Protein backbone atom coordinates (compact mmCIF):
# COMPACT_ATOMS: atom_id res chain seq x y z
CA MET A 1 15.36 13.60 -6.77
CA LYS A 2 14.69 9.90 -6.24
CA SER A 3 15.86 7.40 -8.75
CA THR A 4 13.37 5.13 -10.44
CA SER A 5 14.74 2.16 -8.50
CA ASP A 6 13.40 3.79 -5.30
CA ASN A 7 9.88 3.50 -6.69
CA LYS A 8 10.00 -0.25 -7.37
CA ILE A 9 8.43 -2.67 -4.96
CA SER A 10 10.87 -5.53 -4.63
CA ALA A 11 10.28 -9.00 -3.29
CA ASP A 12 12.80 -8.19 -0.56
CA LEU A 13 10.74 -5.18 0.52
CA VAL A 14 7.51 -7.17 0.60
CA ASN A 15 9.17 -10.02 2.47
CA SER A 16 10.66 -7.63 5.02
CA PHE A 17 7.23 -6.49 6.23
CA ASN A 18 5.79 -7.66 9.52
CA GLU A 19 2.47 -6.98 11.25
CA GLU A 20 3.64 -3.73 12.85
CA MET A 21 5.00 -2.34 9.59
CA THR A 22 1.78 -3.28 7.80
CA TYR A 23 -0.26 -1.56 10.51
CA GLU A 24 1.79 1.65 10.10
CA LEU A 25 1.31 1.51 6.33
CA ALA A 26 -2.45 1.06 6.70
CA LYS A 27 -2.61 3.84 9.27
CA ARG A 28 -0.93 6.26 6.85
CA LEU A 29 -3.38 5.28 4.13
CA GLU A 30 -6.38 5.75 6.41
CA GLU A 31 -5.19 9.17 7.58
CA GLU A 32 -4.44 10.30 4.00
CA ASN A 33 -1.90 12.78 5.27
CA TYR A 34 0.60 12.87 2.41
CA GLU A 35 2.66 15.70 0.98
CA THR A 36 1.73 14.67 -2.56
CA PRO A 37 -0.88 12.33 -4.04
CA PHE A 38 1.97 10.26 -5.42
CA ASP A 39 3.19 9.44 -1.90
CA GLY A 40 -0.23 8.01 -1.08
CA LEU A 41 -0.31 6.10 -4.34
CA LYS A 42 3.07 4.53 -3.57
CA ASP A 43 1.74 3.31 -0.22
CA TRP A 44 -1.42 2.01 -1.89
CA HIS A 45 0.65 0.03 -4.39
CA LEU A 46 2.78 -1.34 -1.56
CA LEU A 47 -0.31 -2.46 0.37
CA ARG A 48 -1.63 -4.04 -2.82
CA ALA A 49 1.65 -5.93 -3.30
CA LEU A 50 1.43 -7.12 0.29
CA ALA A 51 -2.18 -8.25 -0.22
CA ILE A 52 -1.13 -10.31 -3.23
CA ASN A 53 2.08 -11.77 -1.81
CA ARG A 54 1.51 -11.71 1.96
CA PRO A 55 -2.28 -11.80 2.45
CA GLU A 56 -1.90 -12.89 6.07
CA LEU A 57 -0.61 -9.39 6.84
CA THR A 58 -3.36 -7.44 5.10
CA SER A 59 -6.64 -9.17 5.92
CA ASP A 60 -7.60 -6.39 8.37
CA TYR A 61 -6.84 -3.66 5.83
CA ILE A 62 -8.35 -5.01 2.62
CA HIS A 63 -11.02 -2.28 2.78
CA LEU A 64 -8.28 0.19 1.88
CA LEU A 65 -7.83 -1.58 -1.45
CA ASP A 66 -11.45 -2.16 -2.36
CA GLN A 67 -12.71 0.12 -5.05
CA GLU A 68 -16.34 1.04 -5.15
CA PRO A 69 -18.12 0.17 -8.39
CA PHE A 70 -19.05 3.11 -10.55
CA ASP A 71 -21.24 3.70 -13.53
CA GLU A 72 -19.60 5.41 -16.48
CA ASN A 73 -22.93 6.33 -18.08
């Protein structure tokens, strides 16, 4: 079982990413081949953190973060 500290996205983790690592992250998200939905959600949150803090790495993958508008009615 993973500790809760394994689930946190630290500044060190975000700052450690480069273009190749970001590409691999985006590729996993596009393929949606995860053992659990939570694994995909963790990657989505990581890409979101990168988009906020390192936008130069994520400009080609922003479509993976965009949410389509929906009508609740």
